[in-house]
Amino acid sequence: MTLKKTLTYAAWAFLIYFIAFRPQAAASVARGLLGLITRLGTGFGDFFSSLVT
């Protein structure tokens, strides 16, 4: 098994463990990441809108 595959399995195992045993903390992290993605999308949208006007 390659190192990349081993690290991928370990990351998935940690994610499942984190969600199973710390669901509120996992939800908080997910909300934070989704908020970040939303802010990035809004920022890019505003930037490109400013270029056109």
PDB file of N, CA and C in Angstrom:
ATOM      1  N   MET A   1       0.847  -1.173   0.000  1.00  0.00           N
ATOM      2  CA  MET A   1       0.000   0.000   0.000  1.00  0.00           C
ATOM      3  C   MET A   1       0.896   1.240   0.000  1.00  0.00           C
ATOM      4  N   THR A   2       0.539   2.202  -0.814  1.00  0.00           N
ATOM      5  CA  THR A   2       1.360   3.396  -0.909  1.00  0.00           C
ATOM      6  C   THR A   2       1.085   4.340   0.256  1.00  0.00           C
ATOM      7  N   LEU A   3       1.983   5.250   0.460  1.00  0.00           N
ATOM      8  CA  LEU A   3       1.838   6.222   1.536  1.00  0.00           C
ATOM      9  C   LEU A   3       0.609   7.099   1.315  1.00  0.00           C
ATOM     10  N   LYS A   4       0.389   7.488   0.078  1.00  0.00           N
ATOM     11  CA  LYS A   4      -0.764   8.341  -0.226  1.00  0.00           C
ATOM     12  C   LYS A   4      -2.077   7.632   0.122  1.00  0.00           C
ATOM     13  N   LYS A   5      -2.184   6.374  -0.231  1.00  0.00           N
ATOM     14  CA  LYS A   5      -3.401   5.612   0.049  1.00  0.00           C
ATOM     15  C   LYS A   5      -3.572   5.422   1.554  1.00  0.00           C
ATOM     16  N   THR A   6      -2.482   5.162   2.255  1.00  0.00           N
ATOM     17  CA  THR A   6      -2.535   4.987   3.702  1.00  0.00           C
ATOM     18  C   THR A   6      -2.987   6.271   4.382  1.00  0.00           C
ATOM     19  N   LEU A   7      -2.447   7.413   3.959  1.00  0.00           N
ATOM     20  CA  LEU A   7      -2.843   8.693   4.544  1.00  0.00           C
ATOM     21  C   LEU A   7      -4.294   9.030   4.219  1.00  0.00           C
ATOM     22  N   THR A   8      -4.749   8.661   3.037  1.00  0.00           N
ATOM     23  CA  THR A   8      -6.145   8.890   2.672  1.00  0.00           C
ATOM     24  C   THR A   8      -7.068   8.083   3.575  1.00  0.00           C
ATOM     25  N   TYR A   9      -6.761   6.811   3.785  1.00  0.00           N
ATOM     26  CA  TYR A   9      -7.563   5.975   4.677  1.00  0.00           C
ATOM     27  C   TYR A   9      -7.537   6.518   6.097  1.00  0.00           C
ATOM     28  N   ALA A  10      -6.391   6.962   6.547  1.00  0.00           N
ATOM     29  CA  ALA A  10      -6.283   7.519   7.896  1.00  0.00           C
ATOM     30  C   ALA A  10      -7.120   8.788   8.033  1.00  0.00           C
ATOM     31  N   ALA A  11      -7.125   9.628   7.016  1.00  0.00           N
ATOM     32  CA  ALA A  11      -7.916  10.858   7.052  1.00  0.00           C
ATOM     33  C   ALA A  11      -9.409  10.531   7.102  1.00  0.00           C
ATOM     34  N   TRP A  12      -9.857   9.577   6.295  1.00  0.00           N
ATOM     35  CA  TRP A  12     -11.268   9.180   6.319  1.00  0.00           C
ATOM     36  C   TRP A  12     -11.639   8.568   7.672  1.00  0.00           C
ATOM     37  N   ALA A  13     -10.760   7.761   8.227  1.00  0.00           N
ATOM     38  CA  ALA A  13     -11.020   7.154   9.534  1.00  0.00           C
ATOM     39  C   ALA A  13     -11.126   8.227  10.609  1.00  0.00           C
ATOM     40  N   PHE A  14     -10.256   9.210  10.566  1.00  0.00           N
ATOM     41  CA  PHE A  14     -10.316  10.299  11.535  1.00  0.00           C
ATOM     42  C   PHE A  14     -11.611  11.086  11.374  1.00  0.00           C
ATOM     43  N   LEU A  15     -12.006  11.352  10.137  1.00  0.00           N
ATOM     44  CA  LEU A  15     -13.237  12.102   9.879  1.00  0.00           C
ATOM     45  C   LEU A  15     -14.450  11.354  10.432  1.00  0.00           C
ATOM     46  N   ILE A  16     -14.525  10.056  10.184  1.00  0.00           N
ATOM     47  CA  ILE A  16     -15.639   9.253  10.696  1.00  0.00           C
ATOM     48  C   ILE A  16     -15.622   9.229  12.221  1.00  0.00           C
ATOM     49  N   TYR A  17     -14.443   9.069  12.807  1.00  0.00           N
ATOM     50  CA  TYR A  17     -14.314   9.079  14.268  1.00  0.00           C
ATOM     51  C   TYR A  17     -14.746  10.423  14.840  1.00  0.00           C
ATOM     52  N   PHE A  18     -14.303  11.509  14.209  1.00  0.00           N
ATOM     53  CA  PHE A  18     -14.617  12.857  14.671  1.00  0.00           C
ATOM     54  C   PHE A  18     -16.124  13.106  14.631  1.00  0.00           C
ATOM     55  N   ILE A  19     -16.771  12.694  13.549  1.00  0.00           N
ATOM     56  CA  ILE A  19     -18.215  12.889  13.424  1.00  0.00           C
ATOM     57  C   ILE A  19     -18.968  12.001  14.417  1.00  0.00           C
ATOM     58  N   ALA A  20     -18.515  10.785  14.605  1.00  0.00           N
ATOM     59  CA  ALA A  20     -19.216   9.851  15.478  1.00  0.00           C
ATOM     60  C   ALA A  20     -19.102  10.230  16.948  1.00  0.00           C
ATOM     61  N   PHE A  21     -17.938  10.680  17.384  1.00  0.00           N
ATOM     62  CA  PHE A  21     -17.729  10.918  18.804  1.00  0.00           C
ATOM     63  C   PHE A  21     -17.746  12.384  19.208  1.00  0.00           C
ATOM     64  N   ARG A  22     -17.683  13.297  18.251  1.00  0.00           N
ATOM     65  CA  ARG A  22     -17.760  14.733  18.542  1.00  0.00           C
ATOM     66  C   ARG A  22     -18.662  15.410  17.508  1.00  0.00           C
ATOM     67  N   PRO A  23     -19.944  15.028  17.447  1.00  0.00           N
ATOM     68  CA  PRO A  23     -20.805  15.535  16.384  1.00  0.00           C
ATOM     69  C   PRO A  23     -21.004  17.052  16.420  1.00  0.00           C
ATOM     70  N   GLN A  24     -21.092  17.639  17.608  1.00  0.00           N
ATOM     71  CA  GLN A  24     -21.292  19.094  17.673  1.00  0.00           C
ATOM     72  C   GLN A  24     -20.051  19.837  17.213  1.00  0.00           C
ATOM     73  N   ALA A  25     -18.893  19.350  17.580  1.00  0.00           N
ATOM     74  CA  ALA A  25     -17.654  19.981  17.119  1.00  0.00           C
ATOM     75  C   ALA A  25     -17.497  19.809  15.609  1.00  0.00           C
ATOM     76  N   ALA A  26     -17.869  18.644  15.094  1.00  0.00           N
ATOM     77  CA  ALA A  26     -17.786  18.411  13.654  1.00  0.00           C
ATOM     78  C   ALA A  26     -18.754  19.324  12.906  1.00  0.00           C
ATOM     79  N   ALA A  27     -19.949  19.526  13.456  1.00  0.00           N
ATOM     80  CA  ALA A  27     -20.917  20.427  12.828  1.00  0.00           C
ATOM     81  C   ALA A  27     -20.405  21.866  12.847  1.00  0.00           C
ATOM     82  N   SER A  28     -19.758  22.241  13.912  1.00  0.00           N
ATOM     83  CA  SER A  28     -19.194  23.586  14.005  1.00  0.00           C
ATOM     84  C   SER A  28     -18.102  23.801  12.956  1.00  0.00           C
ATOM     85  N   VAL A  29     -17.259  22.807  12.781  1.00  0.00           N
ATOM     86  CA  VAL A  29     -16.209  22.888  11.761  1.00  0.00           C
ATOM     87  C   VAL A  29     -16.835  22.973  10.369  1.00  0.00           C
ATOM     88  N   ALA A  30     -17.865  22.169  10.120  1.00  0.00           N
ATOM     89  CA  ALA A  30     -18.527  22.180   8.811  1.00  0.00           C
ATOM     90  C   ALA A  30     -19.176  23.541   8.548  1.00  0.00           C
ATOM     91  N   ARG A  31     -19.837  24.111   9.573  1.00  0.00           N
ATOM     92  CA  ARG A  31     -20.429  25.442   9.408  1.00  0.00           C
ATOM     93  C   ARG A  31     -19.370  26.481   9.115  1.00  0.00           C
ATOM     94  N   GLY A  32     -18.249  26.392   9.778  1.00  0.00           N
ATOM     95  CA  GLY A  32     -17.162  27.329   9.536  1.00  0.00           C
ATOM     96  C   GLY A  32     -16.610  27.222   8.121  1.00  0.00           C
ATOM     97  N   LEU A  33     -16.419  26.002   7.659  1.00  0.00           N
ATOM     98  CA  LEU A  33     -15.912  25.804   6.292  1.00  0.00           C
ATOM     99  C   LEU A  33     -16.911  26.278   5.244  1.00  0.00           C
ATOM    100  N   LEU A  34     -18.195  25.991   5.473  1.00  0.00           N
ATOM    101  CA  LEU A  34     -19.209  26.452   4.521  1.00  0.00           C
ATOM    102  C   LEU A  34     -19.315  27.974   4.531  1.00  0.00           C
ATOM    103  N   GLY A  35     -19.167  28.576   5.696  1.00  0.00           N
ATOM    104  CA  GLY A  35     -19.164  30.040   5.774  1.00  0.00           C
ATOM    105  C   GLY A  35     -17.980  30.628   5.028  1.00  0.00           C
ATOM    106  N   LEU A  36     -16.830  30.004   5.159  1.00  0.00           N
ATOM    107  CA  LEU A  36     -15.635  30.460   4.445  1.00  0.00           C
ATOM    108  C   LEU A  36     -15.841  30.370   2.937  1.00  0.00           C
ATOM    109  N   ILE A  37     -16.390  29.256   2.479  1.00  0.00           N
ATOM    110  CA  ILE A  37     -16.638  29.084   1.042  1.00  0.00           C
ATOM    111  C   ILE A  37     -17.635  30.131   0.548  1.00  0.00           C
ATOM    112  N   THR A  38     -18.651  30.409   1.360  1.00  0.00           N
ATOM    113  CA  THR A  38     -19.642  31.421   0.988  1.00  0.00           C
ATOM    114  C   THR A  38     -19.002  32.797   0.882  1.00  0.00           C
ATOM    115  N   ARG A  39     -18.166  33.154   1.854  1.00  0.00           N
ATOM    116  CA  ARG A  39     -17.498  34.461   1.826  1.00  0.00           C
ATOM    117  C   ARG A  39     -16.549  34.573   0.642  1.00  0.00           C
ATOM    118  N   LEU A  40     -15.852  33.480   0.331  1.00  0.00           N
ATOM    119  CA  LEU A  40     -14.964  33.489  -0.832  1.00  0.00           C
ATOM    120  C   LEU A  40     -15.757  33.683  -2.122  1.00  0.00           C
ATOM    121  N   GLY A  41     -16.860  32.981  -2.248  1.00  0.00           N
ATOM    122  CA  GLY A  41     -17.696  33.117  -3.435  1.00  0.00           C
ATOM    123  C   GLY A  41     -18.246  34.528  -3.572  1.00  0.00           C
ATOM    124  N   THR A  42     -18.689  35.110  -2.474  1.00  0.00           N
ATOM    125  CA  THR A  42     -19.199  36.477  -2.502  1.00  0.00           C
ATOM    126  C   THR A  42     -18.098  37.454  -2.887  1.00  0.00           C
ATOM    127  N   GLY A  43     -16.922  37.251  -2.334  1.00  0.00           N
ATOM    128  CA  GLY A  43     -15.795  38.125  -2.664  1.00  0.00           C
ATOM    129  C   GLY A  43     -15.416  38.068  -4.131  1.00  0.00           C
ATOM    130  N   PHE A  44     -15.344  36.860  -4.675  1.00  0.00           N
ATOM    131  CA  PHE A  44     -15.026  36.718  -6.096  1.00  0.00           C
ATOM    132  C   PHE A  44     -16.123  37.320  -6.963  1.00  0.00           C
ATOM    133  N   GLY A  45     -17.372  37.102  -6.564  1.00  0.00           N
ATOM    134  CA  GLY A  45     -18.486  37.672  -7.311  1.00  0.00           C
ATOM    135  C   GLY A  45     -18.440  39.186  -7.320  1.00  0.00           C
ATOM    136  N   ASP A  46     -18.167  39.783  -6.165  1.00  0.00           N
ATOM    137  CA  ASP A  46     -18.059  41.239  -6.075  1.00  0.00           C
ATOM    138  C   ASP A  46     -16.894  41.756  -6.917  1.00  0.00           C
ATOM    139  N   PHE A  47     -15.787  41.033  -6.890  1.00  0.00           N
ATOM    140  CA  PHE A  47     -14.616  41.434  -7.670  1.00  0.00           C
ATOM    141  C   PHE A  47     -14.928  41.459  -9.163  1.00  0.00           C
ATOM    142  N   PHE A  48     -15.491  40.358  -9.663  1.00  0.00           N
ATOM    143  CA  PHE A  48     -15.780  40.290 -11.090  1.00  0.00           C
ATOM    144  C   PHE A  48     -16.899  41.255 -11.483  1.00  0.00           C
ATOM    145  N   SER A  49     -17.825  41.478 -10.586  1.00  0.00           N
ATOM    146  CA  SER A  49     -18.870  42.461 -10.853  1.00  0.00           C
ATOM    147  C   SER A  49     -18.271  43.861 -10.959  1.00  0.00           C
ATOM    148  N   SER A  50     -17.292  44.154 -10.113  1.00  0.00           N
ATOM    149  CA  SER A  50     -16.632  45.457 -10.175  1.00  0.00           C
ATOM    150  C   SER A  50     -15.828  45.631 -11.463  1.00  0.00           C
ATOM    151  N   LEU A  51     -15.312  44.548 -11.991  1.00  0.00           N
ATOM    152  CA  LEU A  51     -14.567  44.635 -13.255  1.00  0.00           C
ATOM    153  C   LEU A  51     -15.472  45.009 -14.417  1.00  0.00           C
ATOM    154  N   VAL A  52     -16.695  44.529 -14.401  1.00  0.00           N
ATOM    155  CA  VAL A  52     -17.619  44.738 -15.511  1.00  0.00           C
ATOM    156  C   VAL A  52     -18.236  46.147 -15.455  1.00  0.00           C
ATOM    157  N   THR A  53     -18.485  46.649 -14.275  1.00  0.00           N
ATOM    158  CA  THR A  53     -19.153  47.960 -14.164  1.00  0.00           C
ATOM    159  C   THR A  53     -18.181  49.106 -14.203  1.00  0.00           C
TER     160      THR A  53
END
